[in-house]
Amino acid sequence: LIEIRTVIEKADGIDTRLVSDHMINLLQDVEGSLKHDKDKMLGMIDDY
């Protein structure tokens, strides 16, 4: 999860959508725009 968090945090204004569409992912709800939803996704990981 920290690896995923690092990629999200380091995303630099790119218009990319993070998708977690496989059941092997622990927090499958961590999805969204790396430009617009960074805080939401980082918050979900940090909460866990």
ModelCIF file with pLDDT and N, C-alpha, C, O atoms, coordinates in Angstrom:
data_MODEL
#
_entry.id   MODEL 
#
_entity.id                         1 
_entity.type                       polymer 
_entity.pdbx_number_of_molecules   1 
#
_entity_poly.entity_id                      1 
_entity_poly.type                           'polypeptide(L)' 
_entity_poly.nstd_linkage                   no 
_entity_poly.nstd_monomer                   no 
_entity_poly.pdbx_seq_one_letter_code       LIEIRTVIEKADGIDTRLVSDHMINLLQDVEGSLKHDKDKMLGMIDDY 
_entity_poly.pdbx_seq_one_letter_code_can   LIEIRTVIEKADGIDTRLVSDHMINLLQDVEGSLKHDKDKMLGMIDDY 
_entity_poly.pdbx_strand_id                 A 
#
loop_
_entity_poly_seq.entity_id 
_entity_poly_seq.num 
_entity_poly_seq.mon_id 
_entity_poly_seq.hetero 
1 1  LEU n 
1 2  ILE n 
1 3  GLU n 
1 4  ILE n 
1 5  ARG n 
1 6  THR n 
1 7  VAL n 
1 8  ILE n 
1 9  GLU n 
1 10 LYS n 
1 11 ALA n 
1 12 ASP n 
1 13 GLY n 
1 14 ILE n 
1 15 ASP n 
1 16 THR n 
1 17 ARG n 
1 18 LEU n 
1 19 VAL n 
1 20 SER n 
1 21 ASP n 
1 22 HIS n 
1 23 MET n 
1 24 ILE n 
1 25 ASN n 
1 26 LEU n 
1 27 LEU n 
1 28 GLN n 
1 29 ASP n 
1 30 VAL n 
1 31 GLU n 
1 32 GLY n 
1 33 SER n 
1 34 LEU n 
1 35 LYS n 
1 36 HIS n 
1 37 ASP n 
1 38 LYS n 
1 39 ASP n 
1 40 LYS n 
1 41 MET n 
1 42 LEU n 
1 43 GLY n 
1 44 MET n 
1 45 ILE n 
1 46 ASP n 
1 47 ASP n 
1 48 TYR n 
#
_struct_asym.id          A 
_struct_asym.entity_id   1 
#
loop_
_ma_qa_metric.id 
_ma_qa_metric.mode 
_ma_qa_metric.name 
_ma_qa_metric.software_group_id 
_ma_qa_metric.type 
1 global pLDDT . pLDDT 
2 local  pLDDT . pLDDT 
#
_ma_qa_metric_global.metric_id      1 
_ma_qa_metric_global.metric_value   96.85 
_ma_qa_metric_global.model_id       1 
_ma_qa_metric_global.ordinal_id     1 
#
loop_
_ma_qa_metric_local.label_asym_id 
_ma_qa_metric_local.label_comp_id 
_ma_qa_metric_local.label_seq_id 
_ma_qa_metric_local.metric_id 
_ma_qa_metric_local.metric_value 
_ma_qa_metric_local.model_id 
_ma_qa_metric_local.ordinal_id 
A LEU 1  2 98.00 1 1  
A ILE 2  2 98.00 1 2  
A GLU 3  2 98.00 1 3  
A ILE 4  2 98.00 1 4  
A ARG 5  2 98.00 1 5  
A THR 6  2 98.00 1 6  
A VAL 7  2 98.00 1 7  
A ILE 8  2 98.00 1 8  
A GLU 9  2 98.00 1 9  
A LYS 10 2 98.00 1 10 
A ALA 11 2 97.00 1 11 
A ASP 12 2 96.00 1 12 
A GLY 13 2 93.00 1 13 
A ILE 14 2 97.00 1 14 
A ASP 15 2 94.00 1 15 
A THR 16 2 98.00 1 16 
A ARG 17 2 98.00 1 17 
A LEU 18 2 98.00 1 18 
A VAL 19 2 97.00 1 19 
A SER 20 2 96.00 1 20 
A ASP 21 2 92.00 1 21 
A HIS 22 2 92.00 1 22 
A MET 23 2 91.00 1 23 
A ILE 24 2 94.00 1 24 
A ASN 25 2 97.00 1 25 
A LEU 26 2 97.00 1 26 
A LEU 27 2 97.00 1 27 
A GLN 28 2 95.00 1 28 
A ASP 29 2 96.00 1 29 
A VAL 30 2 98.00 1 30 
A GLU 31 2 97.00 1 31 
A GLY 32 2 98.00 1 32 
A SER 33 2 98.00 1 33 
A LEU 34 2 98.00 1 34 
A LYS 35 2 96.00 1 35 
A HIS 36 2 97.00 1 36 
A ASP 37 2 97.00 1 37 
A LYS 38 2 97.00 1 38 
A ASP 39 2 97.00 1 39 
A LYS 40 2 98.00 1 40 
A MET 41 2 98.00 1 41 
A LEU 42 2 98.00 1 42 
A GLY 43 2 98.00 1 43 
A MET 44 2 98.00 1 44 
A ILE 45 2 98.00 1 45 
A ASP 46 2 98.00 1 46 
A ASP 47 2 97.00 1 47 
A TYR 48 2 98.00 1 48 
#
loop_
_atom_site.group_PDB 
_atom_site.id 
_atom_site.type_symbol 
_atom_site.label_atom_id 
_atom_site.label_alt_id 
_atom_site.label_comp_id 
_atom_site.label_asym_id 
_atom_site.label_entity_id 
_atom_site.label_seq_id 
_atom_site.pdbx_PDB_ins_code 
_atom_site.Cartn_x 
_atom_site.Cartn_y 
_atom_site.Cartn_z 
_atom_site.occupancy 
_atom_site.B_iso_or_equiv 
_atom_site.pdbx_formal_charge 
_atom_site.auth_seq_id 
_atom_site.auth_comp_id 
_atom_site.auth_asym_id 
_atom_site.auth_atom_id 
_atom_site.pdbx_PDB_model_num 
ATOM 1   N N  . LEU A 1 1  ? 0.823   -1.207 0.000   1.00 98.00 ? 1  LEU A N  1 
ATOM 2   C CA . LEU A 1 1  ? 0.000   0.000  0.000   1.00 98.00 ? 1  LEU A CA 1 
ATOM 3   C C  . LEU A 1 1  ? 0.860   1.261  0.000   1.00 98.00 ? 1  LEU A C  1 
ATOM 4   O O  . LEU A 1 1  ? 0.509   2.256  -0.635  1.00 98.00 ? 1  LEU A O  1 
ATOM 5   N N  . ILE A 1 2  ? 1.974   1.219  0.706   1.00 98.00 ? 2  ILE A N  1 
ATOM 6   C CA . ILE A 1 2  ? 2.884   2.367  0.714   1.00 98.00 ? 2  ILE A CA 1 
ATOM 7   C C  . ILE A 1 2  ? 3.465   2.599  -0.676  1.00 98.00 ? 2  ILE A C  1 
ATOM 8   O O  . ILE A 1 2  ? 3.686   3.746  -1.063  1.00 98.00 ? 2  ILE A O  1 
ATOM 9   N N  . GLU A 1 3  ? 3.715   1.537  -1.433  1.00 98.00 ? 3  GLU A N  1 
ATOM 10  C CA . GLU A 1 3  ? 4.174   1.697  -2.822  1.00 98.00 ? 3  GLU A CA 1 
ATOM 11  C C  . GLU A 1 3  ? 3.109   2.417  -3.644  1.00 98.00 ? 3  GLU A C  1 
ATOM 12  O O  . GLU A 1 3  ? 3.419   3.351  -4.384  1.00 98.00 ? 3  GLU A O  1 
ATOM 13  N N  . ILE A 1 4  ? 1.865   1.988  -3.518  1.00 98.00 ? 4  ILE A N  1 
ATOM 14  C CA . ILE A 1 4  ? 0.770   2.647  -4.248  1.00 98.00 ? 4  ILE A CA 1 
ATOM 15  C C  . ILE A 1 4  ? 0.673   4.108  -3.813  1.00 98.00 ? 4  ILE A C  1 
ATOM 16  O O  . ILE A 1 4  ? 0.514   5.007  -4.639  1.00 98.00 ? 4  ILE A O  1 
ATOM 17  N N  . ARG A 1 5  ? 0.770   4.323  -2.516  1.00 98.00 ? 5  ARG A N  1 
ATOM 18  C CA . ARG A 1 5  ? 0.692   5.676  -1.985  1.00 98.00 ? 5  ARG A CA 1 
ATOM 19  C C  . ARG A 1 5  ? 1.789   6.565  -2.558  1.00 98.00 ? 5  ARG A C  1 
ATOM 20  O O  . ARG A 1 5  ? 1.546   7.723  -2.896  1.00 98.00 ? 5  ARG A O  1 
ATOM 21  N N  . THR A 1 6  ? 2.988   6.021  -2.665  1.00 98.00 ? 6  THR A N  1 
ATOM 22  C CA . THR A 1 6  ? 4.115   6.793  -3.198  1.00 98.00 ? 6  THR A CA 1 
ATOM 23  C C  . THR A 1 6  ? 3.863   7.227  -4.631  1.00 98.00 ? 6  THR A C  1 
ATOM 24  O O  . THR A 1 6  ? 4.125   8.373  -4.995  1.00 98.00 ? 6  THR A O  1 
ATOM 25  N N  . VAL A 1 7  ? 3.346   6.295  -5.454  1.00 98.00 ? 7  VAL A N  1 
ATOM 26  C CA . VAL A 1 7  ? 3.062   6.639  -6.856  1.00 98.00 ? 7  VAL A CA 1 
ATOM 27  C C  . VAL A 1 7  ? 2.004   7.744  -6.919  1.00 98.00 ? 7  VAL A C  1 
ATOM 28  O O  . VAL A 1 7  ? 2.139   8.695  -7.689  1.00 98.00 ? 7  VAL A O  1 
ATOM 29  N N  . ILE A 1 8  ? 0.958   7.613  -6.110  1.00 98.00 ? 8  ILE A N  1 
ATOM 30  C CA . ILE A 1 8  ? -0.093  8.637  -6.089  1.00 98.00 ? 8  ILE A CA 1 
ATOM 31  C C  . ILE A 1 8  ? 0.491   9.982  -5.671  1.00 98.00 ? 8  ILE A C  1 
ATOM 32  O O  . ILE A 1 8  ? 0.236   11.004 -6.308  1.00 98.00 ? 8  ILE A O  1 
ATOM 33  N N  . GLU A 1 9  ? 1.273   9.972  -4.601  1.00 98.00 ? 9  GLU A N  1 
ATOM 34  C CA . GLU A 1 9  ? 1.838   11.210 -4.069  1.00 98.00 ? 9  GLU A CA 1 
ATOM 35  C C  . GLU A 1 9  ? 2.791   11.875 -5.062  1.00 98.00 ? 9  GLU A C  1 
ATOM 36  O O  . GLU A 1 9  ? 2.826   13.100 -5.167  1.00 98.00 ? 9  GLU A O  1 
ATOM 37  N N  . LYS A 1 10 ? 3.572   11.056 -5.796  1.00 98.00 ? 10 LYS A N  1 
ATOM 38  C CA . LYS A 1 10 ? 4.564   11.588 -6.729  1.00 98.00 ? 10 LYS A CA 1 
ATOM 39  C C  . LYS A 1 10 ? 3.965   11.979 -8.080  1.00 98.00 ? 10 LYS A C  1 
ATOM 40  O O  . LYS A 1 10 ? 4.641   12.621 -8.884  1.00 98.00 ? 10 LYS A O  1 
ATOM 41  N N  . ALA A 1 11 ? 2.724   11.609 -8.343  1.00 97.00 ? 11 ALA A N  1 
ATOM 42  C CA . ALA A 1 11 ? 2.083   11.978 -9.612  1.00 97.00 ? 11 ALA A CA 1 
ATOM 43  C C  . ALA A 1 11 ? 2.090   13.499 -9.753  1.00 97.00 ? 11 ALA A C  1 
ATOM 44  O O  . ALA A 1 11 ? 1.646   14.224 -8.863  1.00 97.00 ? 11 ALA A O  1 
ATOM 45  N N  . ASP A 1 12 ? 2.598   13.957 -10.877 1.00 96.00 ? 12 ASP A N  1 
ATOM 46  C CA . ASP A 1 12 ? 2.854   15.392 -11.034 1.00 96.00 ? 12 ASP A CA 1 
ATOM 47  C C  . ASP A 1 12 ? 1.957   15.994 -12.119 1.00 96.00 ? 12 ASP A C  1 
ATOM 48  O O  . ASP A 1 12 ? 2.399   16.247 -13.240 1.00 96.00 ? 12 ASP A O  1 
ATOM 49  N N  . GLY A 1 13 ? 0.691   16.217 -11.762 1.00 93.00 ? 13 GLY A N  1 
ATOM 50  C CA . GLY A 1 13 ? -0.222  16.904 -12.671 1.00 93.00 ? 13 GLY A CA 1 
ATOM 51  C C  . GLY A 1 13 ? -0.663  16.104 -13.873 1.00 93.00 ? 13 GLY A C  1 
ATOM 52  O O  . GLY A 1 13 ? -1.209  16.671 -14.820 1.00 93.00 ? 13 GLY A O  1 
ATOM 53  N N  . ILE A 1 14 ? -0.441  14.792 -13.861 1.00 97.00 ? 14 ILE A N  1 
ATOM 54  C CA . ILE A 1 14 ? -0.805  13.981 -15.024 1.00 97.00 ? 14 ILE A CA 1 
ATOM 55  C C  . ILE A 1 14 ? -2.288  13.654 -14.999 1.00 97.00 ? 14 ILE A C  1 
ATOM 56  O O  . ILE A 1 14 ? -2.889  13.505 -13.935 1.00 97.00 ? 14 ILE A O  1 
ATOM 57  N N  . ASP A 1 15 ? -2.868  13.546 -16.186 1.00 94.00 ? 15 ASP A N  1 
ATOM 58  C CA . ASP A 1 15 ? -4.302  13.306 -16.326 1.00 94.00 ? 15 ASP A CA 1 
ATOM 59  C C  . ASP A 1 15 ? -4.556  11.806 -16.482 1.00 94.00 ? 15 ASP A C  1 
ATOM 60  O O  . ASP A 1 15 ? -5.078  11.354 -17.501 1.00 94.00 ? 15 ASP A O  1 
ATOM 61  N N  . THR A 1 16 ? -4.178  11.049 -15.456 1.00 98.00 ? 16 THR A N  1 
ATOM 62  C CA . THR A 1 16 ? -4.250  9.589  -15.465 1.00 98.00 ? 16 THR A CA 1 
ATOM 63  C C  . THR A 1 16 ? -5.247  9.124  -14.426 1.00 98.00 ? 16 THR A C  1 
ATOM 64  O O  . THR A 1 16 ? -5.333  9.705  -13.344 1.00 98.00 ? 16 THR A O  1 
ATOM 65  N N  . ARG A 1 17 ? -6.001  8.086  -14.739 1.00 98.00 ? 17 ARG A N  1 
ATOM 66  C CA . ARG A 1 17 ? -6.955  7.534  -13.777 1.00 98.00 ? 17 ARG A CA 1 
ATOM 67  C C  . ARG A 1 17 ? -6.401  6.246  -13.182 1.00 98.00 ? 17 ARG A C  1 
ATOM 68  O O  . ARG A 1 17 ? -6.085  5.306  -13.912 1.00 98.00 ? 17 ARG A O  1 
ATOM 69  N N  . LEU A 1 18 ? -6.283  6.204  -11.862 1.00 98.00 ? 18 LEU A N  1 
ATOM 70  C CA . LEU A 1 18 ? -5.893  4.976  -11.179 1.00 98.00 ? 18 LEU A CA 1 
ATOM 71  C C  . LEU A 1 18 ? -7.111  4.071  -11.079 1.00 98.00 ? 18 LEU A C  1 
ATOM 72  O O  . LEU A 1 18 ? -8.181  4.493  -10.640 1.00 98.00 ? 18 LEU A O  1 
ATOM 73  N N  . VAL A 1 19 ? -6.932  2.812  -11.496 1.00 97.00 ? 19 VAL A N  1 
ATOM 74  C CA . VAL A 1 19 ? -8.027  1.842  -11.504 1.00 97.00 ? 19 VAL A CA 1 
ATOM 75  C C  . VAL A 1 19 ? -7.593  0.623  -10.687 1.00 97.00 ? 19 VAL A C  1 
ATOM 76  O O  . VAL A 1 19 ? -6.483  0.116  -10.848 1.00 97.00 ? 19 VAL A O  1 
ATOM 77  N N  . SER A 1 20 ? -8.483  0.165  -9.814  1.00 96.00 ? 20 SER A N  1 
ATOM 78  C CA . SER A 1 20 ? -8.201  -1.017 -8.995  1.00 96.00 ? 20 SER A CA 1 
ATOM 79  C C  . SER A 1 20 ? -9.286  -2.048 -9.263  1.00 96.00 ? 20 SER A C  1 
ATOM 80  O O  . SER A 1 20 ? -10.179 -2.251 -8.440  1.00 96.00 ? 20 SER A O  1 
ATOM 81  N N  . ASP A 1 21 ? -9.205  -2.697 -10.418 1.00 92.00 ? 21 ASP A N  1 
ATOM 82  C CA . ASP A 1 21 ? -10.299 -3.556 -10.878 1.00 92.00 ? 21 ASP A CA 1 
ATOM 83  C C  . ASP A 1 21 ? -9.968  -5.047 -10.778 1.00 92.00 ? 21 ASP A C  1 
ATOM 84  O O  . ASP A 1 21 ? -10.306 -5.828 -11.668 1.00 92.00 ? 21 ASP A O  1 
ATOM 85  N N  . HIS A 1 22 ? -9.305  -5.430 -9.687  1.00 92.00 ? 22 HIS A N  1 
ATOM 86  C CA . HIS A 1 22 ? -9.032  -6.858 -9.479  1.00 92.00 ? 22 HIS A CA 1 
ATOM 87  C C  . HIS A 1 22 ? -9.141  -7.165 -7.991  1.00 92.00 ? 22 HIS A C  1 
ATOM 88  O O  . HIS A 1 22 ? -8.705  -6.373 -7.155  1.00 92.00 ? 22 HIS A O  1 
ATOM 89  N N  . MET A 1 23 ? -9.721  -8.310 -7.664  1.00 91.00 ? 23 MET A N  1 
ATOM 90  C CA . MET A 1 23 ? -9.987  -8.654 -6.275  1.00 91.00 ? 23 MET A CA 1 
ATOM 91  C C  . MET A 1 23 ? -8.717  -8.913 -5.466  1.00 91.00 ? 23 MET A C  1 
ATOM 92  O O  . MET A 1 23 ? -8.784  -8.964 -4.238  1.00 91.00 ? 23 MET A O  1 
ATOM 93  N N  . ILE A 1 24 ? -7.568  -9.078 -6.113  1.00 94.00 ? 24 ILE A N  1 
ATOM 94  C CA . ILE A 1 24 ? -6.343  -9.294 -5.343  1.00 94.00 ? 24 ILE A CA 1 
ATOM 95  C C  . ILE A 1 24 ? -5.847  -8.005 -4.688  1.00 94.00 ? 24 ILE A C  1 
ATOM 96  O O  . ILE A 1 24 ? -4.970  -8.054 -3.825  1.00 94.00 ? 24 ILE A O  1 
ATOM 97  N N  . ASN A 1 25 ? -6.391  -6.855 -5.081  1.00 97.00 ? 25 ASN A N  1 
ATOM 98  C CA . ASN A 1 25 ? -6.003  -5.593 -4.444  1.00 97.00 ? 25 ASN A CA 1 
ATOM 99  C C  . ASN A 1 25 ? -6.693  -5.464 -3.089  1.00 97.00 ? 25 ASN A C  1 
ATOM 100 O O  . ASN A 1 25 ? -7.887  -5.736 -2.965  1.00 97.00 ? 25 ASN A O  1 
ATOM 101 N N  . LEU A 1 26 ? -5.947  -5.055 -2.089  1.00 97.00 ? 26 LEU A N  1 
ATOM 102 C CA . LEU A 1 26 ? -6.475  -5.006 -0.729  1.00 97.00 ? 26 LEU A CA 1 
ATOM 103 C C  . LEU A 1 26 ? -7.543  -3.932 -0.566  1.00 97.00 ? 26 LEU A C  1 
ATOM 104 O O  . LEU A 1 26 ? -8.619  -4.199 -0.032  1.00 97.00 ? 26 LEU A O  1 
ATOM 105 N N  . LEU A 1 27 ? -7.249  -2.717 -1.026  1.00 97.00 ? 27 LEU A N  1 
ATOM 106 C CA . LEU A 1 27 ? -8.198  -1.600 -0.929  1.00 97.00 ? 27 LEU A CA 1 
ATOM 107 C C  . LEU A 1 27 ? -8.685  -1.269 -2.332  1.00 97.00 ? 27 LEU A C  1 
ATOM 108 O O  . LEU A 1 27 ? -8.140  -0.389 -2.999  1.00 97.00 ? 27 LEU A O  1 
ATOM 109 N N  . GLN A 1 28 ? -9.709  -1.975 -2.769  1.00 95.00 ? 28 GLN A N  1 
ATOM 110 C CA . GLN A 1 28 ? -10.164 -1.858 -4.151  1.00 95.00 ? 28 GLN A CA 1 
ATOM 111 C C  . GLN A 1 28 ? -10.889 -0.548 -4.412  1.00 95.00 ? 28 GLN A C  1 
ATOM 112 O O  . GLN A 1 28 ? -11.090 -0.170 -5.566  1.00 95.00 ? 28 GLN A O  1 
ATOM 113 N N  . ASP A 1 29 ? -11.289 0.155  -3.342  1.00 96.00 ? 29 ASP A N  1 
ATOM 114 C CA . ASP A 1 29 ? -11.971 1.429  -3.525  1.00 96.00 ? 29 ASP A CA 1 
ATOM 115 C C  . ASP A 1 29 ? -11.007 2.588  -3.768  1.00 96.00 ? 29 ASP A C  1 
ATOM 116 O O  . ASP A 1 29 ? -11.441 3.707  -4.043  1.00 96.00 ? 29 ASP A O  1 
ATOM 117 N N  . VAL A 1 30 ? -9.708  2.331  -3.668  1.00 98.00 ? 30 VAL A N  1 
ATOM 118 C CA . VAL A 1 30 ? -8.722  3.390  -3.942  1.00 98.00 ? 30 VAL A CA 1 
ATOM 119 C C  . VAL A 1 30 ? -8.617  3.548  -5.449  1.00 98.00 ? 30 VAL A C  1 
ATOM 120 O O  . VAL A 1 30 ? -7.811  2.889  -6.105  1.00 98.00 ? 30 VAL A O  1 
ATOM 121 N N  . GLU A 1 31 ? -9.440  4.428  -5.979  1.00 97.00 ? 31 GLU A N  1 
ATOM 122 C CA . GLU A 1 31 ? -9.498  4.700  -7.412  1.00 97.00 ? 31 GLU A CA 1 
ATOM 123 C C  . GLU A 1 31 ? -9.746  6.188  -7.620  1.00 97.00 ? 31 GLU A C  1 
ATOM 124 O O  . GLU A 1 31 ? -10.279 6.872  -6.745  1.00 97.00 ? 31 GLU A O  1 
ATOM 125 N N  . GLY A 1 32 ? -9.354  6.674  -8.786  1.00 98.00 ? 32 GLY A N  1 
ATOM 126 C CA . GLY A 1 32 ? -9.657  8.061  -9.104  1.00 98.00 ? 32 GLY A CA 1 
ATOM 127 C C  . GLY A 1 32 ? -8.592  8.719  -9.940  1.00 98.00 ? 32 GLY A C  1 
ATOM 128 O O  . GLY A 1 32 ? -7.620  8.080  -10.343 1.00 98.00 ? 32 GLY A O  1 
ATOM 129 N N  . SER A 1 33 ? -8.774  9.995  -10.202 1.00 98.00 ? 33 SER A N  1 
ATOM 130 C CA . SER A 1 33 ? -7.846  10.774 -11.009 1.00 98.00 ? 33 SER A CA 1 
ATOM 131 C C  . SER A 1 33 ? -6.595  11.107 -10.199 1.00 98.00 ? 33 SER A C  1 
ATOM 132 O O  . SER A 1 33 ? -6.687  11.574 -9.064  1.00 98.00 ? 33 SER A O  1 
ATOM 133 N N  . LEU A 1 34 ? -5.422  10.862 -10.794 1.00 98.00 ? 34 LEU A N  1 
ATOM 134 C CA . LEU A 1 34 ? -4.175  11.218 -10.126 1.00 98.00 ? 34 LEU A CA 1 
ATOM 135 C C  . LEU A 1 34 ? -3.975  12.728 -10.098 1.00 98.00 ? 34 LEU A C  1 
ATOM 136 O O  . LEU A 1 34 ? -3.061  13.222 -9.438  1.00 98.00 ? 34 LEU A O  1 
ATOM 137 N N  . LYS A 1 35 ? -4.814  13.454 -10.803 1.00 96.00 ? 35 LYS A N  1 
ATOM 138 C CA . LYS A 1 35 ? -4.752  14.914 -10.769 1.00 96.00 ? 35 LYS A CA 1 
ATOM 139 C C  . LYS A 1 35 ? -5.749  15.491 -9.774  1.00 96.00 ? 35 LYS A C  1 
ATOM 140 O O  . LYS A 1 35 ? -5.419  16.404 -9.017  1.00 96.00 ? 35 LYS A O  1 
ATOM 141 N N  . HIS A 1 36 ? -6.964  14.963 -9.774  1.00 97.00 ? 36 HIS A N  1 
ATOM 142 C CA . HIS A 1 36 ? -8.038  15.591 -9.006  1.00 97.00 ? 36 HIS A CA 1 
ATOM 143 C C  . HIS A 1 36 ? -8.401  14.858 -7.710  1.00 97.00 ? 36 HIS A C  1 
ATOM 144 O O  . HIS A 1 36 ? -9.002  15.455 -6.816  1.00 97.00 ? 36 HIS A O  1 
ATOM 145 N N  . ASP A 1 37 ? -8.045  13.580 -7.596  1.00 97.00 ? 37 ASP A N  1 
ATOM 146 C CA . ASP A 1 37 ? -8.500  12.787 -6.447  1.00 97.00 ? 37 ASP A CA 1 
ATOM 147 C C  . ASP A 1 37 ? -7.360  12.315 -5.552  1.00 97.00 ? 37 ASP A C  1 
ATOM 148 O O  . ASP A 1 37 ? -7.525  11.367 -4.784  1.00 97.00 ? 37 ASP A O  1 
ATOM 149 N N  . LYS A 1 38 ? -6.216  12.964 -5.645  1.00 97.00 ? 38 LYS A N  1 
ATOM 150 C CA . LYS A 1 38 ? -5.058  12.517 -4.875  1.00 97.00 ? 38 LYS A CA 1 
ATOM 151 C C  . LYS A 1 38 ? -5.338  12.505 -3.379  1.00 97.00 ? 38 LYS A C  1 
ATOM 152 O O  . LYS A 1 38 ? -5.076  11.507 -2.708  1.00 97.00 ? 38 LYS A O  1 
ATOM 153 N N  . ASP A 1 39 ? -5.864  13.594 -2.856  1.00 97.00 ? 39 ASP A N  1 
ATOM 154 C CA . ASP A 1 39 ? -6.089  13.691 -1.411  1.00 97.00 ? 39 ASP A CA 1 
ATOM 155 C C  . ASP A 1 39 ? -7.057  12.620 -0.930  1.00 97.00 ? 39 ASP A C  1 
ATOM 156 O O  . ASP A 1 39 ? -6.857  12.031 0.132   1.00 97.00 ? 39 ASP A O  1 
ATOM 157 N N  . LYS A 1 40 ? -8.086  12.370 -1.695  1.00 98.00 ? 40 LYS A N  1 
ATOM 158 C CA . LYS A 1 40 ? -9.068  11.348 -1.308  1.00 98.00 ? 40 LYS A CA 1 
ATOM 159 C C  . LYS A 1 40 ? -8.411  9.973  -1.238  1.00 98.00 ? 40 LYS A C  1 
ATOM 160 O O  . LYS A 1 40 ? -8.607  9.239  -0.269  1.00 98.00 ? 40 LYS A O  1 
ATOM 161 N N  . MET A 1 41 ? -7.633  9.622  -2.263  1.00 98.00 ? 41 MET A N  1 
ATOM 162 C CA . MET A 1 41 ? -7.009  8.303  -2.300  1.00 98.00 ? 41 MET A CA 1 
ATOM 163 C C  . MET A 1 41 ? -5.939  8.163  -1.224  1.00 98.00 ? 41 MET A C  1 
ATOM 164 O O  . MET A 1 41 ? -5.850  7.126  -0.567  1.00 98.00 ? 41 MET A O  1 
ATOM 165 N N  . LEU A 1 42 ? -5.127  9.201  -1.043  1.00 98.00 ? 42 LEU A N  1 
ATOM 166 C CA . LEU A 1 42 ? -4.112  9.159  0.005   1.00 98.00 ? 42 LEU A CA 1 
ATOM 167 C C  . LEU A 1 42 ? -4.756  9.028  1.375   1.00 98.00 ? 42 LEU A C  1 
ATOM 168 O O  . LEU A 1 42 ? -4.243  8.321  2.243   1.00 98.00 ? 42 LEU A O  1 
ATOM 169 N N  . GLY A 1 43 ? -5.876  9.706  1.571   1.00 98.00 ? 43 GLY A N  1 
ATOM 170 C CA . GLY A 1 43 ? -6.586  9.636  2.842   1.00 98.00 ? 43 GLY A CA 1 
ATOM 171 C C  . GLY A 1 43 ? -7.103  8.238  3.127   1.00 98.00 ? 43 GLY A C  1 
ATOM 172 O O  . GLY A 1 43 ? -7.042  7.777  4.267   1.00 98.00 ? 43 GLY A O  1 
ATOM 173 N N  . MET A 1 44 ? -7.611  7.555  2.105   1.00 98.00 ? 44 MET A N  1 
ATOM 174 C CA . MET A 1 44 ? -8.118  6.194  2.293   1.00 98.00 ? 44 MET A CA 1 
ATOM 175 C C  . MET A 1 44 ? -6.993  5.247  2.709   1.00 98.00 ? 44 MET A C  1 
ATOM 176 O O  . MET A 1 44 ? -7.165  4.407  3.591   1.00 98.00 ? 44 MET A O  1 
ATOM 177 N N  . ILE A 1 45 ? -5.838  5.399  2.057   1.00 98.00 ? 45 ILE A N  1 
ATOM 178 C CA . ILE A 1 45 ? -4.699  4.541  2.399   1.00 98.00 ? 45 ILE A CA 1 
ATOM 179 C C  . ILE A 1 45 ? -4.203  4.862  3.803   1.00 98.00 ? 45 ILE A C  1 
ATOM 180 O O  . ILE A 1 45 ? -3.938  3.952  4.588   1.00 98.00 ? 45 ILE A O  1 
ATOM 181 N N  . ASP A 1 46 ? -4.074  6.139  4.126   1.00 98.00 ? 46 ASP A N  1 
ATOM 182 C CA . ASP A 1 46 ? -3.578  6.536  5.443   1.00 98.00 ? 46 ASP A CA 1 
ATOM 183 C C  . ASP A 1 46 ? -4.521  6.087  6.553   1.00 98.00 ? 46 ASP A C  1 
ATOM 184 O O  . ASP A 1 46 ? -4.081  5.688  7.631   1.00 98.00 ? 46 ASP A O  1 
ATOM 185 N N  . ASP A 1 47 ? -5.819  6.156  6.279   1.00 97.00 ? 47 ASP A N  1 
ATOM 186 C CA . ASP A 1 47 ? -6.796  5.708  7.271   1.00 97.00 ? 47 ASP A CA 1 
ATOM 187 C C  . ASP A 1 47 ? -6.611  4.230  7.582   1.00 97.00 ? 47 ASP A C  1 
ATOM 188 O O  . ASP A 1 47 ? -6.674  3.816  8.739   1.00 97.00 ? 47 ASP A O  1 
ATOM 189 N N  . TYR A 1 48 ? -6.384  3.442  6.542   1.00 98.00 ? 48 TYR A N  1 
ATOM 190 C CA . TYR A 1 48 ? -6.175  2.008  6.760   1.00 98.00 ? 48 TYR A CA 1 
ATOM 191 C C  . TYR A 1 48 ? -4.859  1.751  7.497   1.00 98.00 ? 48 TYR A C  1 
ATOM 192 O O  . TYR A 1 48 ? -4.518  0.600  7.767   1.00 98.00 ? 48 TYR A O  1 
#
